[in-house]
Amino acid sequence: MKNKRNVSVLLFLALILAPAFYLETSSSQDLKSNPLLIGQGSDEAAKMAAAVPAEKHLKKNYIMELDERLVNTSKEAGYRVETYREYEIYKNQQGEVKEIVPTPHYEYIRYKIYK
């Protein structure tokens, strides 16, 4: 009885693992022959995921830098809270600032106030 049970368990595992191994080897062979590169995929996804400035900035050959600037300081529940906002700063080749664009990214730093 135990022998039949052991055989049925082994058969069950073989039926489950055989397709899994087949699928794993076929997908790994695809990656070896056609490796995926960053940004490769559908055009829609690549456009959505690309972290590049707007086309008007690319045409003007601006250099984009990110900067965080203090926008607010407040006191809340025994803490001093500083709010920083991220900005995209576009400079020309001579280093002159041509445009500053605020992003929706904020950082909050809390400092405990000891009396």
Foldseek 3Di string as FASTA:
>chain_A
DVVVVVVVVVVVVCVVVVVVVVVVVVVVVCCVVPPDDVLDDDPVVSVVPDPDDDPVLVVQQWDWDKDWDWDDWDDDPQKIKTKIWIWIWTAHPVGDTDDIGTDPDMDIDIDGHDD
